[in-house]
């Protein structure tokens, strides 16, 4: 309830999600979450990248939710709307505190990120993996550095993301890759290459998401 978002749409894989931030410093031009800033009367363009909302009480609110007698445990997905390991996390440690709470409750979680900074929390993630509580997915759009710089200017480079996949897999953590977004005519022909190098790095599974351009994002992307 409240801090945890519920999803009932049959075409989305997760039922519950949790976002530690609102806004995205990575500046991914294709991000469908840009529209969320418009709800607050802010620009879906530069404001998304520069006006980041932090949720400093996220772990406390999550704990209160998990302690409710009526709570029923289902996997919580982190990183469905905004990246839990964007640069602000280096200082704020909100995602880390949320993982610590989930670990205390033996609660299952999945993480999707475009940042190799997830490796900072390897201690918690590896511990949760020994209890089969966690899966991690690195999101890779393209293997081409110049294209990556244009599409997602402040996300980790493809090489660093693949390096994180390898380190996580070597540590025994169930690790996958999201080929996302698949952009027709721009990145769709890279799907096989991304899957191949991801498998070589130790990824156990792979999934994808097609480019979606709601409302203002369509204009920005063009």
Protein backbone atom coordinates (compact mmCIF):
# COMPACT_ATOMS: atom_id res chain seq x y z
CA UNK A 1 0.00 0.00 0.00
CA UNK A 2 1.02 3.61 -0.67
CA UNK A 3 4.76 3.51 -1.24
CA UNK A 4 4.54 0.32 -3.37
CA UNK A 5 2.99 0.72 -6.82
CA UNK A 6 0.61 -2.01 -7.94
CA UNK A 7 0.28 -3.03 -11.58
CA UNK A 8 -2.70 -4.89 -13.04
CA UNK A 9 -1.82 -4.56 -16.73
CA UNK A 10 -1.36 -8.03 -18.26
CA UNK A 11 1.29 -6.84 -20.75
CA UNK A 12 3.71 -5.72 -18.02
CA UNK A 13 5.71 -8.44 -16.32
CA UNK A 14 5.76 -7.15 -12.76
CA UNK A 15 2.90 -6.76 -10.31
CA UNK A 16 4.65 -4.52 -7.80
CA UNK A 17 7.25 -1.83 -8.20
CA UNK A 18 9.07 0.65 -6.04
CA UNK A 19 10.88 3.80 -7.16
CA UNK A 20 13.47 5.48 -4.97
CA UNK A 21 13.70 8.58 -7.18
CA UNK A 22 11.61 10.65 -9.56
CA UNK A 23 13.52 11.97 -12.55
CA UNK A 24 16.53 10.63 -14.40
CA UNK A 25 20.01 12.14 -14.40
CA UNK A 26 21.13 9.70 -17.08
CA UNK A 27 19.24 11.84 -19.59
CA UNK A 28 17.91 8.95 -21.69
CA UNK A 29 16.11 10.75 -24.51
CA UNK A 30 13.72 7.85 -25.12
CA UNK A 31 12.61 7.45 -21.48
CA UNK A 32 8.83 7.09 -21.27
CA UNK A 33 9.02 8.17 -17.60
CA UNK A 34 9.74 11.73 -18.77
CA UNK A 35 5.99 12.28 -18.81
CA UNK A 36 5.90 11.86 -15.01
CA UNK A 37 7.51 15.29 -14.58
CA UNK A 38 4.71 16.91 -16.57
CA UNK A 39 2.29 15.74 -13.88
CA UNK A 40 4.13 18.03 -11.43
CA UNK A 41 4.10 20.97 -13.85
CA UNK A 42 7.75 20.51 -14.77
CA UNK A 43 9.44 20.10 -18.14
CA UNK A 44 9.71 16.55 -19.51
CA UNK A 45 12.95 17.76 -21.08
CA UNK A 46 15.71 19.38 -19.03
CA UNK A 47 13.81 19.27 -15.72
CA UNK A 48 13.75 15.47 -15.82
CA UNK A 49 17.54 15.44 -15.97
CA UNK A 50 18.24 18.26 -13.52
CA UNK A 51 15.37 18.35 -11.00
CA UNK A 52 15.55 15.00 -9.27
CA UNK A 53 13.15 14.17 -6.46
CA UNK A 54 14.61 12.01 -3.70
CA UNK A 55 12.59 9.81 -1.34
CA UNK A 56 14.74 9.90 1.83
CA UNK A 57 12.12 8.10 3.94
CA UNK A 58 11.62 5.32 1.40
CA UNK A 59 13.13 2.56 3.55
CA UNK A 60 11.13 3.59 6.61
CA UNK A 61 7.86 3.74 4.66
CA UNK A 62 8.63 0.40 3.04
CA UNK A 63 9.26 -1.19 6.45
CA UNK A 64 5.90 0.09 7.73
CA UNK A 65 4.19 -1.39 4.68
CA UNK A 66 5.88 -4.79 5.02
CA UNK A 67 4.96 -4.98 8.69
CA UNK A 68 1.23 -4.63 8.06
CA UNK A 69 -0.58 -7.88 9.03
CA UNK A 70 -2.48 -7.80 5.74
CA UNK A 71 0.67 -7.57 3.59
CA UNK A 72 1.12 -10.42 1.09
CA UNK A 73 4.62 -11.00 -0.25
CA UNK A 74 5.26 -10.67 -4.00
CA UNK A 75 8.42 -9.74 -5.88
CA UNK A 76 9.08 -5.98 -5.84
CA UNK A 77 10.70 -4.54 -8.95
CA UNK A 78 13.17 -1.67 -8.54
CA UNK A 79 13.98 0.51 -11.54
CA UNK A 80 10.75 0.28 -13.50
CA UNK A 81 10.21 4.05 -13.83
CA UNK A 82 13.45 5.70 -12.74
CA UNK A 83 16.93 4.25 -12.35
CA UNK A 84 17.69 3.22 -8.74
CA UNK A 85 21.41 3.70 -9.37
CA UNK A 86 21.43 7.10 -11.03
CA UNK A 87 24.20 9.48 -9.82
CA UNK A 88 22.17 10.85 -6.88
CA UNK A 89 22.31 7.40 -5.27
CA UNK A 90 26.06 7.76 -4.71
CA UNK A 91 25.33 10.38 -2.06
CA UNK A 92 21.78 9.60 -0.96
CA UNK A 93 22.07 5.80 -0.47
CA UNK A 94 18.28 5.46 -0.69
CA UNK A 95 18.31 2.36 -2.89
CA UNK A 96 20.89 0.77 -0.60
CA UNK A 97 18.72 1.41 2.46
CA UNK A 98 15.71 -0.10 0.66
CA UNK A 99 17.70 -3.23 -0.21
CA UNK A 100 18.80 -3.52 3.40
CA UNK A 101 15.16 -3.51 4.53
CA UNK A 102 14.13 -6.06 1.93
CA UNK A 103 17.03 -8.27 3.01
CA UNK A 104 15.95 -8.09 6.66
CA UNK A 105 12.47 -9.26 5.68
CA UNK A 106 13.74 -11.99 3.32
CA UNK A 107 11.71 -10.25 0.62
CA UNK A 108 12.28 -11.05 -3.08
CA UNK A 109 13.30 -8.21 -5.39
CA UNK A 110 14.37 -7.62 -8.98
CA UNK A 111 16.51 -4.70 -10.13
CA UNK A 112 16.82 -3.07 -13.55
CA UNK A 113 19.50 -0.43 -14.07
CA UNK A 114 21.62 1.23 -16.73
CA UNK A 115 24.38 1.91 -14.24
CA UNK A 116 27.47 -0.07 -13.30
CA UNK A 117 27.26 1.76 -9.96
CA UNK A 118 25.14 -1.15 -8.80
CA UNK A 119 28.43 -2.89 -8.01
CA UNK A 120 28.75 -0.71 -4.90
CA UNK A 121 26.00 -2.81 -3.31
CA UNK A 122 27.51 -6.16 -4.23
CA UNK A 123 27.72 -7.09 -0.54
CA UNK A 124 23.96 -6.88 0.00
CA UNK A 125 23.06 -8.29 -3.42
CA UNK A 126 25.38 -11.30 -3.04
CA UNK A 127 23.99 -12.03 0.42
CA UNK A 128 20.41 -11.89 -0.86
CA UNK A 129 21.37 -14.14 -3.78
CA UNK A 130 22.43 -16.89 -1.37
CA UNK A 131 18.79 -16.92 -0.20
CA UNK A 132 17.37 -16.84 -3.77
CA UNK A 133 15.87 -13.41 -3.13
CA UNK A 134 17.24 -11.33 -5.98
CA UNK A 135 17.71 -10.99 -9.74
CA UNK A 136 19.59 -8.17 -11.45
CA UNK A 137 19.16 -6.94 -15.02
CA UNK A 138 21.46 -4.52 -16.78
CA UNK A 139 19.66 -2.54 -19.47
CA UNK A 140 21.65 -2.27 -22.71
CA UNK A 141 20.30 -0.31 -25.68
CA UNK A 142 23.25 -0.45 -28.05
CA UNK A 143 26.87 -1.60 -28.18
CA UNK A 144 27.88 1.48 -30.18
CA UNK A 145 29.53 4.05 -27.93
CA UNK A 146 28.67 7.11 -30.06
CA UNK A 147 25.03 6.12 -30.32
CA UNK A 148 24.89 5.40 -26.60
CA UNK A 149 26.34 8.85 -25.90
CA UNK A 150 23.53 10.42 -27.94
CA UNK A 151 20.65 8.32 -26.58
CA UNK A 152 21.68 8.01 -22.92
CA UNK A 153 24.45 10.56 -22.35
CA UNK A 154 25.06 10.01 -18.63
CA UNK A 155 24.29 6.30 -18.30
CA UNK A 156 27.15 3.82 -17.97
CA UNK A 157 28.80 2.93 -21.27
CA UNK A 158 27.89 -0.42 -22.87
CA UNK A 159 31.34 -1.73 -21.90
CA UNK A 160 30.86 -0.84 -18.24
CA UNK A 161 27.39 -2.42 -18.18
CA UNK A 162 28.77 -5.65 -19.63
CA UNK A 163 31.57 -5.50 -17.09
CA UNK A 164 28.96 -5.29 -14.33
CA UNK A 165 27.13 -8.28 -15.83
CA UNK A 166 30.36 -10.28 -15.69
CA UNK A 167 31.17 -9.27 -12.10
CA UNK A 168 27.65 -10.01 -10.87
CA UNK A 169 27.54 -13.37 -12.64
CA UNK A 170 30.99 -14.29 -11.31
CA UNK A 171 29.70 -13.53 -7.80
CA UNK A 172 26.92 -16.07 -8.27
CA UNK A 173 24.11 -13.56 -8.69
CA UNK A 174 21.32 -14.40 -11.18
CA UNK A 175 21.98 -11.76 -13.81
CA UNK A 176 20.18 -10.90 -17.02
CA UNK A 177 20.18 -8.23 -19.70
CA UNK A 178 17.30 -6.09 -20.90
CA UNK A 179 17.69 -5.08 -24.55
CA UNK A 180 15.85 -1.85 -24.07
CA UNK A 181 14.52 0.00 -25.79
CA UNK A 182 14.64 -1.71 -29.17
CA UNK A 183 14.51 1.19 -31.63
CA UNK A 184 13.37 0.27 -35.16
CA UNK A 185 15.94 1.22 -37.79
CA UNK A 186 18.45 2.38 -35.17
CA UNK A 187 19.24 -0.48 -32.78
CA UNK A 188 16.98 -3.39 -33.77
CA UNK A 189 19.72 -5.04 -35.84
CA UNK A 190 21.94 -5.21 -32.73
CA UNK A 191 19.67 -7.59 -30.78
CA UNK A 192 21.65 -10.74 -31.66
CA UNK A 193 25.00 -9.04 -30.95
CA UNK A 194 23.85 -7.77 -27.56
CA UNK A 195 22.53 -11.21 -26.60
CA UNK A 196 25.77 -12.88 -27.72
CA UNK A 197 28.11 -10.65 -25.72
CA UNK A 198 25.75 -10.71 -22.73
CA UNK A 199 25.78 -14.51 -22.71
CA UNK A 200 29.57 -14.46 -22.97
CA UNK A 201 29.62 -12.15 -19.93
CA UNK A 202 27.55 -14.63 -17.93
CA UNK A 203 23.97 -13.39 -18.34
CA UNK A 204 21.49 -16.19 -17.68
CA UNK A 205 18.51 -14.66 -19.42
CA UNK A 206 17.55 -11.84 -21.73
CA UNK A 207 14.41 -9.85 -22.40
CA UNK A 208 13.49 -6.77 -24.39
CA UNK A 209 11.25 -3.73 -24.53
CA UNK A 210 10.18 -1.91 -27.68
CA UNK A 211 10.55 1.87 -27.91
CA UNK A 212 7.45 3.62 -26.59
CA UNK A 213 6.99 7.36 -27.12
CA UNK A 214 4.06 8.73 -25.11
CA UNK A 215 2.96 12.35 -25.31
CA UNK A 216 5.88 14.81 -24.99
CA UNK A 217 8.53 12.11 -25.31
CA UNK A 218 7.67 11.61 -28.97
CA UNK A 219 8.50 15.24 -29.77
CA UNK A 220 11.71 15.17 -27.71
CA UNK A 221 12.90 11.96 -29.31
CA UNK A 222 12.39 13.31 -32.83
